[in-house]
Amino acid sequence: MRSSRPVTVTLGKQQSILDASLASGNYESASEVVRAALRALRRQDDILNEVMSEKIRESMQDSRADIPMSEVFAKLRARQLAKSQ
């Protein structure tokens, strides 16, 4: 039984990337290009999730005192105001 199904995709400006990938001879079909792109996207998402998880772990283990949100936003507003002047 087939586990995949046909999908119609409009690529727009990315069509030239697909065409170049096929012309290079590295891929035999548009499906191969799209599957490779989806695998690359999955790897990118996995890496980003791991980086973010590590940042969260580091933040949770940070022994410095918390800064009140109102103080953070006041400093950001002051910095933005200074930049605009």
PDB file of N, CA and C in Angstrom:
ATOM      1  N   MET A   1       0.836  -1.184   0.000  1.00  0.00           N
ATOM      2  CA  MET A   1       0.000   0.000   0.000  1.00  0.00           C
ATOM      3  C   MET A   1       0.881   1.248   0.000  1.00  0.00           C
ATOM      4  N   ARG A   2       0.526   2.206  -0.789  1.00  0.00           N
ATOM      5  CA  ARG A   2       1.303   3.443  -0.916  1.00  0.00           C
ATOM      6  C   ARG A   2       1.138   4.300   0.339  1.00  0.00           C
ATOM      7  N   SER A   3       2.274   4.725   0.924  1.00  0.00           N
ATOM      8  CA  SER A   3       2.215   5.534   2.148  1.00  0.00           C
ATOM      9  C   SER A   3       2.238   7.028   1.868  1.00  0.00           C
ATOM     10  N   SER A   4       2.466   7.408   0.622  1.00  0.00           N
ATOM     11  CA  SER A   4       2.486   8.827   0.267  1.00  0.00           C
ATOM     12  C   SER A   4       1.363   9.110  -0.720  1.00  0.00           C
ATOM     13  N   ARG A   5       1.086  10.388  -0.894  1.00  0.00           N
ATOM     14  CA  ARG A   5       0.043  10.776  -1.838  1.00  0.00           C
ATOM     15  C   ARG A   5       0.528  11.972  -2.641  1.00  0.00           C
ATOM     16  N   PRO A   6       0.035  12.123  -3.842  1.00  0.00           N
ATOM     17  CA  PRO A   6       0.432  13.262  -4.668  1.00  0.00           C
ATOM     18  C   PRO A   6       0.009  14.580  -4.023  1.00  0.00           C
ATOM     19  N   VAL A   7       0.869  15.585  -4.139  1.00  0.00           N
ATOM     20  CA  VAL A   7       0.595  16.911  -3.603  1.00  0.00           C
ATOM     21  C   VAL A   7       0.951  17.925  -4.683  1.00  0.00           C
ATOM     22  N   THR A   8       0.101  18.919  -4.843  1.00  0.00           N
ATOM     23  CA  THR A   8       0.390  19.992  -5.788  1.00  0.00           C
ATOM     24  C   THR A   8       0.985  21.161  -5.005  1.00  0.00           C
ATOM     25  N   VAL A   9       2.103  21.683  -5.492  1.00  0.00           N
ATOM     26  CA  VAL A   9       2.797  22.773  -4.810  1.00  0.00           C
ATOM     27  C   VAL A   9       3.094  23.874  -5.818  1.00  0.00           C
ATOM     28  N   THR A  10       2.809  25.108  -5.447  1.00  0.00           N
ATOM     29  CA  THR A  10       3.186  26.253  -6.264  1.00  0.00           C
ATOM     30  C   THR A  10       4.444  26.856  -5.651  1.00  0.00           C
ATOM     31  N   LEU A  11       5.535  26.848  -6.391  1.00  0.00           N
ATOM     32  CA  LEU A  11       6.822  27.268  -5.847  1.00  0.00           C
ATOM     33  C   LEU A  11       7.117  28.746  -6.034  1.00  0.00           C
ATOM     34  N   GLY A  12       6.526  29.365  -7.025  1.00  0.00           N
ATOM     35  CA  GLY A  12       6.815  30.773  -7.255  1.00  0.00           C
ATOM     36  C   GLY A  12       8.289  30.971  -7.580  1.00  0.00           C
ATOM     37  N   LYS A  13       8.936  31.901  -6.880  1.00  0.00           N
ATOM     38  CA  LYS A  13      10.346  32.226  -7.150  1.00  0.00           C
ATOM     39  C   LYS A  13      11.281  31.055  -6.870  1.00  0.00           C
ATOM     40  N   GLN A  14      10.870  30.134  -6.022  1.00  0.00           N
ATOM     41  CA  GLN A  14      11.711  28.977  -5.698  1.00  0.00           C
ATOM     42  C   GLN A  14      11.765  27.950  -6.830  1.00  0.00           C
ATOM     43  N   GLN A  15      10.923  28.115  -7.845  1.00  0.00           N
ATOM     44  CA  GLN A  15      10.933  27.190  -8.982  1.00  0.00           C
ATOM     45  C   GLN A  15      12.319  27.130  -9.618  1.00  0.00           C
ATOM     46  N   SER A  16      13.009  28.271  -9.678  1.00  0.00           N
ATOM     47  CA  SER A  16      14.343  28.293 -10.287  1.00  0.00           C
ATOM     48  C   SER A  16      15.340  27.454  -9.484  1.00  0.00           C
ATOM     49  N   ILE A  17      15.148  27.390  -8.181  1.00  0.00           N
ATOM     50  CA  ILE A  17      16.026  26.547  -7.346  1.00  0.00           C
ATOM     51  C   ILE A  17      15.799  25.084  -7.690  1.00  0.00           C
ATOM     52  N   LEU A  18      14.535  24.704  -7.806  1.00  0.00           N
ATOM     53  CA  LEU A  18      14.214  23.325  -8.162  1.00  0.00           C
ATOM     54  C   LEU A  18      14.775  22.996  -9.537  1.00  0.00           C
ATOM     55  N   ASP A  19      14.574  23.900 -10.498  1.00  0.00           N
ATOM     56  CA  ASP A  19      15.072  23.677 -11.853  1.00  0.00           C
ATOM     57  C   ASP A  19      16.595  23.520 -11.870  1.00  0.00           C
ATOM     58  N   ALA A  20      17.285  24.366 -11.129  1.00  0.00           N
ATOM     59  CA  ALA A  20      18.751  24.293 -11.073  1.00  0.00           C
ATOM     60  C   ALA A  20      19.198  22.986 -10.418  1.00  0.00           C
ATOM     61  N   SER A  21      18.472  22.559  -9.390  1.00  0.00           N
ATOM     62  CA  SER A  21      18.815  21.293  -8.726  1.00  0.00           C
ATOM     63  C   SER A  21      18.668  20.120  -9.689  1.00  0.00           C
ATOM     64  N   LEU A  22      17.619  20.144 -10.489  1.00  0.00           N
ATOM     65  CA  LEU A  22      17.425  19.080 -11.483  1.00  0.00           C
ATOM     66  C   LEU A  22      18.479  19.157 -12.579  1.00  0.00           C
ATOM     67  N   ALA A  23      18.790  20.366 -13.036  1.00  0.00           N
ATOM     68  CA  ALA A  23      19.777  20.548 -14.102  1.00  0.00           C
ATOM     69  C   ALA A  23      21.174  20.114 -13.665  1.00  0.00           C
ATOM     70  N   SER A  24      21.446  20.211 -12.368  1.00  0.00           N
ATOM     71  CA  SER A  24      22.768  19.833 -11.859  1.00  0.00           C
ATOM     72  C   SER A  24      23.011  18.333 -11.974  1.00  0.00           C
ATOM     73  N   GLY A  25      21.946  17.579 -12.088  1.00  0.00           N
ATOM     74  CA  GLY A  25      22.082  16.124 -12.154  1.00  0.00           C
ATOM     75  C   GLY A  25      22.127  15.469 -10.795  1.00  0.00           C
ATOM     76  N   ASN A  26      22.082  16.258  -9.735  1.00  0.00           N
ATOM     77  CA  ASN A  26      22.113  15.688  -8.386  1.00  0.00           C
ATOM     78  C   ASN A  26      20.795  15.025  -8.005  1.00  0.00           C
ATOM     79  N   TYR A  27      19.726  15.394  -8.680  1.00  0.00           N
ATOM     80  CA  TYR A  27      18.398  14.848  -8.395  1.00  0.00           C
ATOM     81  C   TYR A  27      17.758  14.421  -9.703  1.00  0.00           C
ATOM     82  N   GLU A  28      16.978  13.352  -9.647  1.00  0.00           N
ATOM     83  CA  GLU A  28      16.319  12.849 -10.855  1.00  0.00           C
ATOM     84  C   GLU A  28      14.890  13.345 -10.996  1.00  0.00           C
ATOM     85  N   SER A  29      14.306  13.880  -9.915  1.00  0.00           N
ATOM     86  CA  SER A  29      12.915  14.326 -10.001  1.00  0.00           C
ATOM     87  C   SER A  29      12.653  15.465  -9.028  1.00  0.00           C
ATOM     88  N   ALA A  30      11.578  16.186  -9.285  1.00  0.00           N
ATOM     89  CA  ALA A  30      11.164  17.255  -8.374  1.00  0.00           C
ATOM     90  C   ALA A  30      10.858  16.668  -6.994  1.00  0.00           C
ATOM     91  N   SER A  31      10.303  15.477  -6.961  1.00  0.00           N
ATOM     92  CA  SER A  31       9.990  14.834  -5.682  1.00  0.00           C
ATOM     93  C   SER A  31      11.249  14.631  -4.840  1.00  0.00           C
ATOM     94  N   GLU A  32      12.340  14.211  -5.492  1.00  0.00           N
ATOM     95  CA  GLU A  32      13.600  14.026  -4.757  1.00  0.00           C
ATOM     96  C   GLU A  32      14.087  15.348  -4.169  1.00  0.00           C
ATOM     97  N   VAL A  33      13.975  16.426  -4.947  1.00  0.00           N
ATOM     98  CA  VAL A  33      14.411  17.746  -4.477  1.00  0.00           C
ATOM     99  C   VAL A  33      13.576  18.163  -3.269  1.00  0.00           C
ATOM    100  N   VAL A  34      12.272  18.011  -3.370  1.00  0.00           N
ATOM    101  CA  VAL A  34      11.384  18.412  -2.275  1.00  0.00           C
ATOM    102  C   VAL A  34      11.643  17.555  -1.039  1.00  0.00           C
ATOM    103  N   ARG A  35      11.823  16.251  -1.214  1.00  0.00           N
ATOM    104  CA  ARG A  35      12.115  15.393  -0.052  1.00  0.00           C
ATOM    105  C   ARG A  35      13.429  15.797   0.615  1.00  0.00           C
ATOM    106  N   ALA A  36      14.452  16.107  -0.195  1.00  0.00           N
ATOM    107  CA  ALA A  36      15.742  16.547   0.371  1.00  0.00           C
ATOM    108  C   ALA A  36      15.572  17.866   1.120  1.00  0.00           C
ATOM    109  N   ALA A  37      14.771  18.774   0.551  1.00  0.00           N
ATOM    110  CA  ALA A  37      14.535  20.059   1.218  1.00  0.00           C
ATOM    111  C   ALA A  37      13.803  19.863   2.538  1.00  0.00           C
ATOM    112  N   LEU A  38      12.840  18.962   2.569  1.00  0.00           N
ATOM    113  CA  LEU A  38      12.108  18.702   3.806  1.00  0.00           C
ATOM    114  C   LEU A  38      13.005  18.050   4.859  1.00  0.00           C
ATOM    115  N   ARG A  39      13.903  17.159   4.417  1.00  0.00           N
ATOM    116  CA  ARG A  39      14.860  16.568   5.371  1.00  0.00           C
ATOM    117  C   ARG A  39      15.773  17.655   5.945  1.00  0.00           C
ATOM    118  N   ALA A  40      16.233  18.578   5.088  1.00  0.00           N
ATOM    119  CA  ALA A  40      17.091  19.672   5.550  1.00  0.00           C
ATOM    120  C   ALA A  40      16.331  20.569   6.528  1.00  0.00           C
ATOM    121  N   LEU A  41      15.067  20.832   6.242  1.00  0.00           N
ATOM    122  CA  LEU A  41      14.239  21.641   7.144  1.00  0.00           C
ATOM    123  C   LEU A  41      14.087  20.944   8.483  1.00  0.00           C
ATOM    124  N   ARG A  42      13.881  19.647   8.468  1.00  0.00           N
ATOM    125  CA  ARG A  42      13.756  18.883   9.719  1.00  0.00           C
ATOM    126  C   ARG A  42      15.052  18.967  10.526  1.00  0.00           C
ATOM    127  N   ARG A  43      16.204  18.802   9.846  1.00  0.00           N
ATOM    128  CA  ARG A  43      17.495  18.901  10.546  1.00  0.00           C
ATOM    129  C   ARG A  43      17.665  20.285  11.153  1.00  0.00           C
ATOM    130  N   GLN A  44      17.312  21.316  10.389  1.00  0.00           N
ATOM    131  CA  GLN A  44      17.419  22.693  10.880  1.00  0.00           C
ATOM    132  C   GLN A  44      16.530  22.897  12.098  1.00  0.00           C
ATOM    133  N   ASP A  45      15.307  22.410  12.034  1.00  0.00           N
ATOM    134  CA  ASP A  45      14.387  22.539  13.171  1.00  0.00           C
ATOM    135  C   ASP A  45      14.912  21.794  14.393  1.00  0.00           C
ATOM    136  N   ASP A  46      15.452  20.593  14.178  1.00  0.00           N
ATOM    137  CA  ASP A  46      16.004  19.814  15.288  1.00  0.00           C
ATOM    138  C   ASP A  46      17.165  20.550  15.950  1.00  0.00           C
ATOM    139  N   ILE A  47      18.043  21.139  15.131  1.00  0.00           N
ATOM    140  CA  ILE A  47      19.181  21.886  15.668  1.00  0.00           C
ATOM    141  C   ILE A  47      18.700  23.113  16.430  1.00  0.00           C
ATOM    142  N   LEU A  48      17.770  23.845  15.849  1.00  0.00           N
ATOM    143  CA  LEU A  48      17.232  25.031  16.519  1.00  0.00           C
ATOM    144  C   LEU A  48      16.568  24.661  17.841  1.00  0.00           C
ATOM    145  N   ASN A  49      15.792  23.592  17.849  1.00  0.00           N
ATOM    146  CA  ASN A  49      15.150  23.151  19.086  1.00  0.00           C
ATOM    147  C   ASN A  49      16.180  22.781  20.144  1.00  0.00           C
ATOM    148  N   GLU A  50      17.255  22.123  19.741  1.00  0.00           N
ATOM    149  CA  GLU A  50      18.294  21.739  20.701  1.00  0.00           C
ATOM    150  C   GLU A  50      18.999  22.980  21.248  1.00  0.00           C
ATOM    151  N   VAL A  51      19.306  23.943  20.377  1.00  0.00           N
ATOM    152  CA  VAL A  51      19.956  25.180  20.818  1.00  0.00           C
ATOM    153  C   VAL A  51      19.054  25.919  21.802  1.00  0.00           C
ATOM    154  N   MET A  52      17.778  26.033  21.458  1.00  0.00           N
ATOM    155  CA  MET A  52      16.844  26.728  22.347  1.00  0.00           C
ATOM    156  C   MET A  52      16.689  25.996  23.671  1.00  0.00           C
ATOM    157  N   SER A  53      16.629  24.680  23.632  1.00  0.00           N
ATOM    158  CA  SER A  53      16.530  23.893  24.869  1.00  0.00           C
ATOM    159  C   SER A  53      17.749  24.124  25.754  1.00  0.00           C
ATOM    160  N   GLU A  54      18.921  24.170  25.131  1.00  0.00           N
ATOM    161  CA  GLU A  54      20.151  24.413  25.889  1.00  0.00           C
ATOM    162  C   GLU A  54      20.133  25.808  26.498  1.00  0.00           C
ATOM    163  N   LYS A  55      19.696  26.797  25.733  1.00  0.00           N
ATOM    164  CA  LYS A  55      19.607  28.169  26.256  1.00  0.00           C
ATOM    165  C   LYS A  55      18.640  28.234  27.438  1.00  0.00           C
ATOM    166  N   ILE A  56      17.533  27.531  27.330  1.00  0.00           N
ATOM    167  CA  ILE A  56      16.564  27.507  28.433  1.00  0.00           C
ATOM    168  C   ILE A  56      17.176  26.839  29.658  1.00  0.00           C
ATOM    169  N   ARG A  57      17.872  25.705  29.451  1.00  0.00           N
ATOM    170  CA  ARG A  57      18.537  25.028  30.582  1.00  0.00           C
ATOM    171  C   ARG A  57      19.544  25.967  31.247  1.00  0.00           C
ATOM    172  N   GLU A  58      20.350  26.661  30.424  1.00  0.00           N
ATOM    173  CA  GLU A  58      21.332  27.604  30.971  1.00  0.00           C
ATOM    174  C   GLU A  58      20.642  28.708  31.756  1.00  0.00           C
ATOM    175  N   SER A  59      19.567  29.216  31.212  1.00  0.00           N
ATOM    176  CA  SER A  59      18.830  30.294  31.875  1.00  0.00           C
ATOM    177  C   SER A  59      18.262  29.833  33.209  1.00  0.00           C
ATOM    178  N   MET A  60      17.726  28.628  33.227  1.00  0.00           N
ATOM    179  CA  MET A  60      17.138  28.097  34.460  1.00  0.00           C
ATOM    180  C   MET A  60      18.202  27.864  35.535  1.00  0.00           C
ATOM    181  N   GLN A  61      19.429  27.606  35.119  1.00  0.00           N
ATOM    182  CA  GLN A  61      20.509  27.352  36.069  1.00  0.00           C
ATOM    183  C   GLN A  61      21.274  28.619  36.446  1.00  0.00           C
ATOM    184  N   ASP A  62      20.932  29.741  35.841  1.00  0.00           N
ATOM    185  CA  ASP A  62      21.611  31.007  36.111  1.00  0.00           C
ATOM    186  C   ASP A  62      21.332  31.436  37.547  1.00  0.00           C
ATOM    187  N   SER A  63      22.390  31.684  38.294  1.00  0.00           N
ATOM    188  CA  SER A  63      22.237  32.015  39.713  1.00  0.00           C
ATOM    189  C   SER A  63      22.059  33.517  39.960  1.00  0.00           C
ATOM    190  N   ARG A  64      22.142  34.318  38.908  1.00  0.00           N
ATOM    191  CA  ARG A  64      21.959  35.759  39.095  1.00  0.00           C
ATOM    192  C   ARG A  64      20.517  36.061  39.490  1.00  0.00           C
ATOM    193  N   ALA A  65      20.343  37.168  40.179  1.00  0.00           N
ATOM    194  CA  ALA A  65      19.007  37.561  40.625  1.00  0.00           C
ATOM    195  C   ALA A  65      18.123  37.916  39.435  1.00  0.00           C
ATOM    196  N   ASP A  66      16.830  37.647  39.572  1.00  0.00           N
ATOM    197  CA  ASP A  66      15.874  38.018  38.534  1.00  0.00           C
ATOM    198  C   ASP A  66      15.749  39.532  38.456  1.00  0.00           C
ATOM    199  N   ILE A  67      15.451  40.020  37.261  1.00  0.00           N
ATOM    200  CA  ILE A  67      15.228  41.449  37.055  1.00  0.00           C
ATOM    201  C   ILE A  67      13.734  41.631  36.806  1.00  0.00           C
ATOM    202  N   PRO A  68      13.090  42.518  37.539  1.00  0.00           N
ATOM    203  CA  PRO A  68      11.661  42.734  37.328  1.00  0.00           C
ATOM    204  C   PRO A  68      11.380  43.176  35.888  1.00  0.00           C
ATOM    205  N   MET A  69      10.279  42.690  35.337  1.00  0.00           N
ATOM    206  CA  MET A  69       9.906  42.997  33.964  1.00  0.00           C
ATOM    207  C   MET A  69       9.778  44.501  33.743  1.00  0.00           C
ATOM    208  N   SER A  70       9.221  45.193  34.701  1.00  0.00           N
ATOM    209  CA  SER A  70       9.044  46.643  34.543  1.00  0.00           C
ATOM    210  C   SER A  70      10.391  47.343  34.372  1.00  0.00           C
ATOM    211  N   GLU A  71      11.401  46.867  35.074  1.00  0.00           N
ATOM    212  CA  GLU A  71      12.747  47.450  34.954  1.00  0.00           C
ATOM    213  C   GLU A  71      13.342  47.165  33.574  1.00  0.00           C
ATOM    214  N   VAL A  72      13.151  45.953  33.097  1.00  0.00           N
ATOM    215  CA  VAL A  72      13.671  45.579  31.777  1.00  0.00           C
ATOM    216  C   VAL A  72      13.042  46.461  30.705  1.00  0.00           C
ATOM    217  N   PHE A  73      11.706  46.601  30.737  1.00  0.00           N
ATOM    218  CA  PHE A  73      11.029  47.404  29.725  1.00  0.00           C
ATOM    219  C   PHE A  73      11.380  48.882  29.848  1.00  0.00           C
ATOM    220  N   ALA A  74      11.580  49.366  31.050  1.00  0.00           N
ATOM    221  CA  ALA A  74      11.979  50.768  31.227  1.00  0.00           C
ATOM    222  C   ALA A  74      13.345  51.010  30.582  1.00  0.00           C
ATOM    223  N   LYS A  75      14.273  50.066  30.770  1.00  0.00           N
ATOM    224  CA  LYS A  75      15.597  50.199  30.166  1.00  0.00           C
ATOM    225  C   LYS A  75      15.513  50.119  28.642  1.00  0.00           C
ATOM    226  N   LEU A  76      14.659  49.234  28.133  1.00  0.00           N
ATOM    227  CA  LEU A  76      14.498  49.122  26.683  1.00  0.00           C
ATOM    228  C   LEU A  76      13.894  50.393  26.094  1.00  0.00           C
ATOM    229  N   ARG A  77      12.893  50.950  26.764  1.00  0.00           N
ATOM    230  CA  ARG A  77      12.291  52.200  26.290  1.00  0.00           C
ATOM    231  C   ARG A  77      13.321  53.322  26.284  1.00  0.00           C
ATOM    232  N   ALA A  78      14.120  53.420  27.341  1.00  0.00           N
ATOM    233  CA  ALA A  78      15.143  54.465  27.430  1.00  0.00           C
ATOM    234  C   ALA A  78      16.178  54.285  26.315  1.00  0.00           C
ATOM    235  N   ARG A  79      16.566  53.072  26.041  1.00  0.00           N
ATOM    236  CA  ARG A  79      17.547  52.799  24.981  1.00  0.00           C
ATOM    237  C   ARG A  79      16.964  53.173  23.619  1.00  0.00           C
ATOM    238  N   GLN A  80      15.708  52.811  23.383  1.00  0.00           N
ATOM    239  CA  GLN A  80      15.064  53.144  22.120  1.00  0.00           C
ATOM    240  C   GLN A  80      14.916  54.652  21.964  1.00  0.00           C
ATOM    241  N   LEU A  81      14.560  55.325  23.028  1.00  0.00           N
ATOM    242  CA  LEU A  81      14.416  56.784  22.994  1.00  0.00           C
ATOM    243  C   LEU A  81      15.754  57.443  22.680  1.00  0.00           C
ATOM    244  N   ALA A  82      16.832  56.939  23.284  1.00  0.00           N
ATOM    245  CA  ALA A  82      18.164  57.487  23.047  1.00  0.00           C
ATOM    246  C   ALA A  82      18.575  57.299  21.584  1.00  0.00           C
ATOM    247  N   LYS A  83      18.210  56.169  20.990  1.00  0.00           N
ATOM    248  CA  LYS A  83      18.556  55.909  19.603  1.00  0.00           C
ATOM    249  C   LYS A  83      17.807  56.818  18.651  1.00  0.00           C
ATOM    250  N   SER A  84      16.570  57.161  19.013  1.00  0.00           N
ATOM    251  CA  SER A  84      15.751  57.959  18.109  1.00  0.00           C
ATOM    252  C   SER A  84      16.059  59.454  18.179  1.00  0.00           C
ATOM    253  N   GLN A  85      16.899  59.859  19.109  1.00  0.00           N
ATOM    254  CA  GLN A  85      17.209  61.296  19.252  1.00  0.00           C
ATOM    255  C   GLN A  85      18.484  61.652  18.557  1.00  0.00           C
TER     256      GLN A  85
END
